[in-house]
N, C-alpha and C. Protein backbone atom coordinates (compact mmCIF):
# COMPACT_ATOMS: atom_id res chain seq x y z
N MET A 1 22.03 -16.65 15.91
CA MET A 1 21.23 -16.18 16.55
C MET A 1 20.10 -15.44 16.46
N ALA A 2 20.44 -14.30 15.90
CA ALA A 2 20.04 -13.22 15.26
C ALA A 2 18.74 -13.67 14.09
N GLU A 3 19.55 -14.22 13.30
CA GLU A 3 19.04 -15.20 11.97
C GLU A 3 17.66 -15.02 12.41
N THR A 4 17.53 -15.95 13.57
CA THR A 4 16.11 -17.30 14.47
C THR A 4 15.39 -16.02 14.82
N THR A 5 15.85 -14.94 16.06
CA THR A 5 15.27 -13.68 16.49
C THR A 5 14.26 -13.02 14.73
N LEU A 6 15.05 -12.98 13.95
CA LEU A 6 14.14 -11.78 12.93
C LEU A 6 12.83 -12.69 12.33
N VAL A 7 13.57 -14.17 12.63
CA VAL A 7 12.63 -15.12 11.62
C VAL A 7 11.03 -15.42 12.21
N GLU A 8 11.23 -14.95 13.39
CA GLU A 8 10.11 -14.98 15.17
C GLU A 8 9.28 -14.45 15.04
N GLU A 9 10.17 -13.08 14.62
CA GLU A 9 9.21 -11.59 14.51
C GLU A 9 8.95 -11.47 13.06
N GLN A 10 8.84 -12.35 12.12
CA GLN A 10 8.44 -11.61 11.14
C GLN A 10 7.17 -12.81 11.15
N ALA A 11 6.42 -14.14 11.98
CA ALA A 11 5.95 -15.22 11.90
C ALA A 11 4.68 -14.29 11.87
N HIS A 12 3.52 -15.18 11.65
CA HIS A 12 2.60 -14.59 11.63
C HIS A 12 1.52 -15.61 11.63
N ASP A 13 0.16 -16.07 11.79
CA ASP A 13 -0.66 -16.63 11.70
C ASP A 13 -1.29 -17.16 10.38
N HIS A 14 -1.45 -18.22 10.11
CA HIS A 14 -1.97 -18.26 8.14
C HIS A 14 -3.37 -19.31 8.75
N PRO A 15 -3.84 -18.66 7.85
CA PRO A 15 -5.23 -19.88 7.70
C PRO A 15 -5.12 -21.08 7.89
N SER A 16 -5.83 -22.00 8.24
CA SER A 16 -6.26 -23.12 8.37
C SER A 16 -6.01 -23.73 6.82
N ASP A 17 -5.71 -25.18 6.48
CA ASP A 17 -5.41 -25.38 5.40
C ASP A 17 -7.10 -25.47 4.89
N TRP A 18 -8.36 -25.94 6.48
CA TRP A 18 -9.34 -26.49 5.86
C TRP A 18 -10.50 -24.38 5.46
N ALA A 19 -10.04 -23.44 6.14
CA ALA A 19 -9.84 -22.18 5.63
C ALA A 19 -9.56 -22.29 4.53
N TYR A 20 -8.44 -22.80 4.03
CA TYR A 20 -8.19 -22.66 2.57
C TYR A 20 -8.74 -23.17 1.64
N VAL A 21 -9.26 -24.36 1.97
CA VAL A 21 -10.47 -24.90 1.29
C VAL A 21 -12.08 -24.38 0.38
N LYS A 22 -12.02 -24.23 1.27
CA LYS A 22 -13.41 -22.84 1.76
C LYS A 22 -13.29 -22.28 0.93
N ILE A 23 -12.26 -21.45 0.80
CA ILE A 23 -11.76 -20.20 -0.37
C ILE A 23 -11.77 -20.58 -1.43
N ALA A 24 -11.54 -21.30 -1.69
CA ALA A 24 -11.32 -22.42 -2.93
C ALA A 24 -12.58 -22.45 -3.54
N LEU A 25 -13.23 -23.26 -2.90
CA LEU A 25 -14.65 -23.51 -3.09
C LEU A 25 -15.43 -22.39 -3.42
N LEU A 26 -15.41 -21.41 -2.61
CA LEU A 26 -16.30 -19.72 -3.21
C LEU A 26 -15.47 -18.70 -4.45
N LEU A 27 -14.29 -19.04 -4.31
CA LEU A 27 -13.65 -18.97 -5.77
C LEU A 27 -14.54 -19.86 -7.03
N ALA A 28 -15.11 -21.30 -7.28
CA ALA A 28 -14.87 -21.91 -7.52
C ALA A 28 -16.20 -21.73 -7.87
N ALA A 29 -17.42 -21.34 -6.58
CA ALA A 29 -18.97 -21.04 -7.55
C ALA A 29 -19.31 -19.48 -8.13
N ILE A 30 -18.02 -18.59 -7.23
CA ILE A 30 -17.88 -17.32 -8.52
C ILE A 30 -17.51 -17.32 -9.63
N THR A 31 -16.66 -18.80 -10.12
CA THR A 31 -16.45 -18.90 -11.72
C THR A 31 -17.26 -19.49 -11.88
N ALA A 32 -18.44 -20.59 -11.63
CA ALA A 32 -19.20 -20.89 -12.49
C ALA A 32 -19.80 -20.52 -12.70
N VAL A 33 -20.47 -18.78 -11.65
CA VAL A 33 -21.66 -18.15 -12.11
C VAL A 33 -21.33 -17.37 -12.90
N GLU A 34 -19.80 -17.45 -12.60
CA GLU A 34 -18.99 -16.28 -13.83
C GLU A 34 -19.97 -16.66 -16.03
N VAL A 35 -19.54 -18.30 -15.27
CA VAL A 35 -19.55 -18.80 -16.61
C VAL A 35 -21.71 -18.90 -16.82
N LEU A 36 -21.74 -19.54 -16.10
CA LEU A 36 -23.57 -19.42 -17.02
C LEU A 36 -23.89 -18.05 -16.67
N THR A 37 -23.34 -16.65 -16.43
CA THR A 37 -23.31 -14.94 -16.85
C THR A 37 -23.40 -15.41 -18.05
N TYR A 38 -21.99 -15.63 -18.56
CA TYR A 38 -21.87 -15.73 -19.72
C TYR A 38 -22.43 -16.59 -20.80
N PHE A 39 -22.84 -17.71 -20.70
CA PHE A 39 -23.67 -18.40 -21.54
C PHE A 39 -24.73 -18.12 -21.56
N GLU A 40 -26.04 -18.06 -20.41
CA GLU A 40 -27.14 -17.16 -20.23
C GLU A 40 -27.12 -15.98 -21.67
N SER A 41 -26.17 -14.76 -21.19
CA SER A 41 -26.68 -13.93 -21.99
C SER A 41 -25.76 -14.33 -23.29
N ALA A 42 -25.21 -15.37 -23.91
CA ALA A 42 -24.33 -16.17 -25.44
C ALA A 42 -26.46 -16.65 -25.44
N ILE A 43 -26.64 -16.95 -24.95
CA ILE A 43 -27.84 -17.78 -25.54
C ILE A 43 -28.96 -16.50 -25.66
N THR A 44 -29.59 -16.12 -24.84
CA THR A 44 -30.72 -15.34 -24.65
C THR A 44 -30.47 -13.62 -25.22
N VAL A 45 -31.04 -13.04 -26.15
CA VAL A 45 -29.85 -11.43 -26.47
C VAL A 45 -31.08 -10.47 -25.59
N PHE A 46 -29.67 -10.11 -24.92
CA PHE A 46 -30.24 -8.85 -24.12
C PHE A 46 -30.68 -7.65 -24.91
N GLU A 47 -31.60 -6.77 -24.56
CA GLU A 47 -31.57 -5.85 -25.00
C GLU A 47 -29.51 -4.84 -25.00
N ASN A 48 -29.97 -4.89 -23.85
CA ASN A 48 -28.32 -4.11 -23.78
C ASN A 48 -27.72 -5.43 -22.22
N ASN A 49 -26.03 -4.74 -22.85
CA ASN A 49 -25.38 -6.01 -21.93
C ASN A 49 -24.38 -5.58 -20.97
N SER A 50 -25.05 -4.33 -20.98
CA SER A 50 -23.97 -3.15 -20.13
C SER A 50 -24.22 -4.16 -18.25
N VAL A 51 -25.47 -4.53 -18.31
CA VAL A 51 -25.87 -5.47 -17.12
C VAL A 51 -24.39 -6.68 -16.94
N THR A 52 -24.74 -7.33 -17.71
CA THR A 52 -23.82 -8.58 -18.37
C THR A 52 -22.07 -8.51 -17.67
N ILE A 53 -21.89 -7.53 -18.49
CA ILE A 53 -20.46 -6.76 -18.34
C ILE A 53 -19.68 -6.72 -17.49
N ALA A 54 -21.04 -5.71 -16.43
CA ALA A 54 -20.96 -4.46 -14.61
C ALA A 54 -21.12 -6.08 -14.18
N SER A 55 -21.44 -7.16 -13.92
CA SER A 55 -21.44 -8.10 -12.96
C SER A 55 -20.47 -8.92 -13.39
N LEU A 56 -20.07 -9.38 -14.17
CA LEU A 56 -19.04 -10.56 -14.29
C LEU A 56 -17.59 -9.02 -14.34
N MET A 57 -17.28 -7.81 -14.14
CA MET A 57 -15.97 -6.83 -13.95
C MET A 57 -16.46 -7.23 -11.93
N VAL A 58 -17.21 -6.81 -11.45
CA VAL A 58 -18.30 -7.18 -10.40
C VAL A 58 -17.55 -8.39 -9.72
N MET A 59 -17.93 -9.48 -9.71
CA MET A 59 -17.35 -10.59 -9.68
C MET A 59 -15.83 -11.28 -10.10
N MET A 60 -14.86 -10.43 -11.10
CA MET A 60 -13.63 -10.74 -10.51
C MET A 60 -12.75 -9.99 -10.71
N VAL A 61 -13.69 -8.28 -9.54
CA VAL A 61 -12.87 -8.05 -8.82
C VAL A 61 -12.90 -8.65 -7.71
N VAL A 62 -14.19 -9.29 -7.17
CA VAL A 62 -14.28 -9.82 -5.85
C VAL A 62 -13.08 -10.71 -5.42
N LYS A 63 -12.96 -11.84 -7.02
CA LYS A 63 -12.39 -13.08 -7.37
C LYS A 63 -10.45 -11.93 -6.70
N PHE A 64 -10.44 -11.48 -7.48
CA PHE A 64 -8.49 -10.81 -7.45
C PHE A 64 -8.77 -10.76 -5.80
N TYR A 65 -9.51 -10.11 -5.54
CA TYR A 65 -9.27 -9.83 -4.23
C TYR A 65 -8.89 -11.38 -3.14
N MET A 66 -9.86 -12.20 -3.10
CA MET A 66 -9.62 -13.14 -2.24
C MET A 66 -8.80 -13.87 -2.67
N VAL A 67 -8.05 -14.07 -3.94
CA VAL A 67 -6.74 -14.53 -4.51
C VAL A 67 -5.60 -13.99 -4.03
N ALA A 68 -5.78 -12.52 -4.26
CA ALA A 68 -4.46 -11.53 -3.54
C ALA A 68 -4.55 -11.99 -1.99
N MET A 69 -5.33 -11.41 -1.06
CA MET A 69 -5.88 -11.65 0.15
C MET A 69 -5.01 -12.92 0.54
N TYR A 70 -5.81 -13.59 0.03
CA TYR A 70 -5.48 -15.06 1.15
C TYR A 70 -4.20 -15.88 0.11
N PHE A 71 -4.28 -16.81 -1.08
CA PHE A 71 -3.54 -17.23 -1.75
C PHE A 71 -1.99 -16.21 -1.76
N MET A 72 -1.85 -15.25 -2.03
CA MET A 72 -0.62 -14.50 -2.28
C MET A 72 -0.47 -14.15 -0.46
N HIS A 73 -1.14 -14.55 0.60
CA HIS A 73 -0.95 -13.48 1.81
C HIS A 73 -0.23 -12.42 1.40
N LEU A 74 -0.82 -11.88 0.73
CA LEU A 74 -0.87 -10.43 1.20
C LEU A 74 -1.82 -9.64 2.14
N LYS A 75 -2.81 -10.36 2.75
CA LYS A 75 -3.39 -9.72 4.34
C LYS A 75 -2.25 -9.93 5.13
N HIS A 76 -1.27 -9.97 5.06
CA HIS A 76 -0.18 -10.32 6.43
C HIS A 76 0.89 -9.94 5.70
N ASP A 77 1.02 -9.15 4.62
CA ASP A 77 2.40 -8.39 4.37
C ASP A 77 2.32 -6.99 4.03
N ASN A 78 3.34 -6.04 3.91
CA ASN A 78 3.28 -4.83 4.47
C ASN A 78 2.07 -3.83 3.99
N PRO A 79 1.91 -3.18 4.03
CA PRO A 79 0.85 -3.18 3.44
C PRO A 79 0.92 -1.80 1.78
N LEU A 80 2.30 -1.72 1.59
CA LEU A 80 2.53 -1.28 0.72
C LEU A 80 1.70 -2.23 -0.97
N PHE A 81 1.76 -3.51 -0.78
CA PHE A 81 1.50 -4.06 -1.60
C PHE A 81 0.42 -4.27 -1.72
N THR A 82 -0.63 -4.60 -1.24
CA THR A 82 -1.77 -3.95 -0.64
C THR A 82 -2.38 -3.30 -1.41
N ARG A 83 -1.53 -1.78 -1.92
CA ARG A 83 -1.74 -0.61 -2.51
C ARG A 83 -1.50 -1.01 -3.55
N LEU A 84 -0.22 -1.39 -3.81
CA LEU A 84 0.12 -1.49 -5.72
C LEU A 84 -0.94 -2.44 -6.06
N PHE A 85 -0.75 -3.79 -5.17
CA PHE A 85 -1.62 -4.39 -6.22
C PHE A 85 -2.94 -4.34 -6.40
N ALA A 86 -4.13 -3.39 -5.09
CA ALA A 86 -5.28 -2.45 -5.63
C ALA A 86 -5.18 -1.27 -6.64
N GLY A 87 -3.54 -0.76 -7.09
CA GLY A 87 -3.97 0.55 -8.01
C GLY A 87 -3.66 -0.56 -9.91
N GLY A 88 -3.17 -1.96 -9.55
CA GLY A 88 -3.35 -2.19 -10.77
C GLY A 88 -4.74 -2.94 -11.26
N LEU A 89 -5.22 -3.25 -10.34
CA LEU A 89 -7.07 -3.94 -10.10
C LEU A 89 -7.83 -1.98 -10.71
N ALA A 90 -7.22 -0.81 -10.65
CA ALA A 90 -7.72 -0.02 -10.73
C ALA A 90 -8.06 0.27 -12.12
N LEU A 91 -6.59 0.79 -12.03
CA LEU A 91 -6.29 0.67 -13.96
C LEU A 91 -6.72 -0.30 -14.38
N ALA A 92 -6.07 -1.56 -14.66
CA ALA A 92 -6.92 -2.80 -15.41
C ALA A 92 -8.74 -2.41 -15.67
N VAL A 93 -9.51 -1.95 -14.39
CA VAL A 93 -11.14 -1.76 -14.35
C VAL A 93 -11.38 -0.29 -15.39
N ALA A 94 -9.90 0.61 -15.03
CA ALA A 94 -10.52 1.68 -15.19
C ALA A 94 -9.79 1.70 -16.96
N VAL A 95 -8.84 0.99 -17.60
CA VAL A 95 -8.91 0.02 -19.07
C VAL A 95 -9.55 -0.45 -19.56
N TYR A 96 -10.65 -1.07 -18.94
CA TYR A 96 -11.79 -1.84 -19.56
C TYR A 96 -13.05 -1.10 -20.08
N VAL A 97 -13.10 -0.35 -18.61
CA VAL A 97 -13.85 0.67 -19.41
C VAL A 97 -14.03 2.23 -20.54
N ILE A 98 -12.53 2.59 -20.30
CA ILE A 98 -12.32 3.65 -21.30
C ILE A 98 -12.79 2.56 -22.68
N ALA A 99 -12.14 1.38 -22.95
CA ALA A 99 -11.70 0.97 -24.20
C ALA A 99 -13.23 -0.09 -24.66
N LEU A 100 -14.30 -0.32 -23.83
CA LEU A 100 -15.44 -0.12 -24.06
C LEU A 100 -16.30 0.76 -23.98
N SER A 101 -15.99 1.86 -24.26
CA SER A 101 -17.02 2.83 -24.31
C SER A 101 -16.21 3.78 -25.40
N ALA A 102 -14.69 3.16 -25.47
CA ALA A 102 -14.44 3.54 -27.37
C ALA A 102 -15.11 3.06 -28.45
N PHE A 103 -15.55 2.23 -28.49
CA PHE A 103 -16.52 1.57 -29.28
C PHE A 103 -17.97 1.14 -29.02
N GLU A 104 -17.93 2.23 -27.94
CA GLU A 104 -19.75 3.00 -27.57
C GLU A 104 -20.97 1.42 -27.08
N PHE A 105 -19.90 0.73 -25.97
CA PHE A 105 -20.54 -0.50 -25.52
C PHE A 105 -21.94 -0.26 -24.81
N TRP A 106 -21.31 1.14 -24.22
CA TRP A 106 -22.86 1.32 -23.19
C TRP A 106 -23.74 1.77 -23.85
N ALA A 107 -23.44 2.43 -24.81
CA ALA A 107 -24.50 3.07 -26.38
C ALA A 107 -26.59 2.57 -26.10
């Protein structure tokens, strides 16, 4: 009987199936924009790829947030998990920026 109470206390409202479909469609649209951005930069020669890389990194962060919050249910979990994922994301972005800076990509 104590197990049932524990499960009921930890229960929370999940988004509907339609909400997951809308999120998946949004993620697909962002992915399509990422692919188009990459192909456009490969076809036309930009004098500075910094804008392309920056826009791709912003889209990467948005997609990571959407997947982590909704599909991994971090929105309903302990805030510690959200902080851990945000820290990992910040570390990944920092590593990308440092690596690109080391190769003098921004110059």
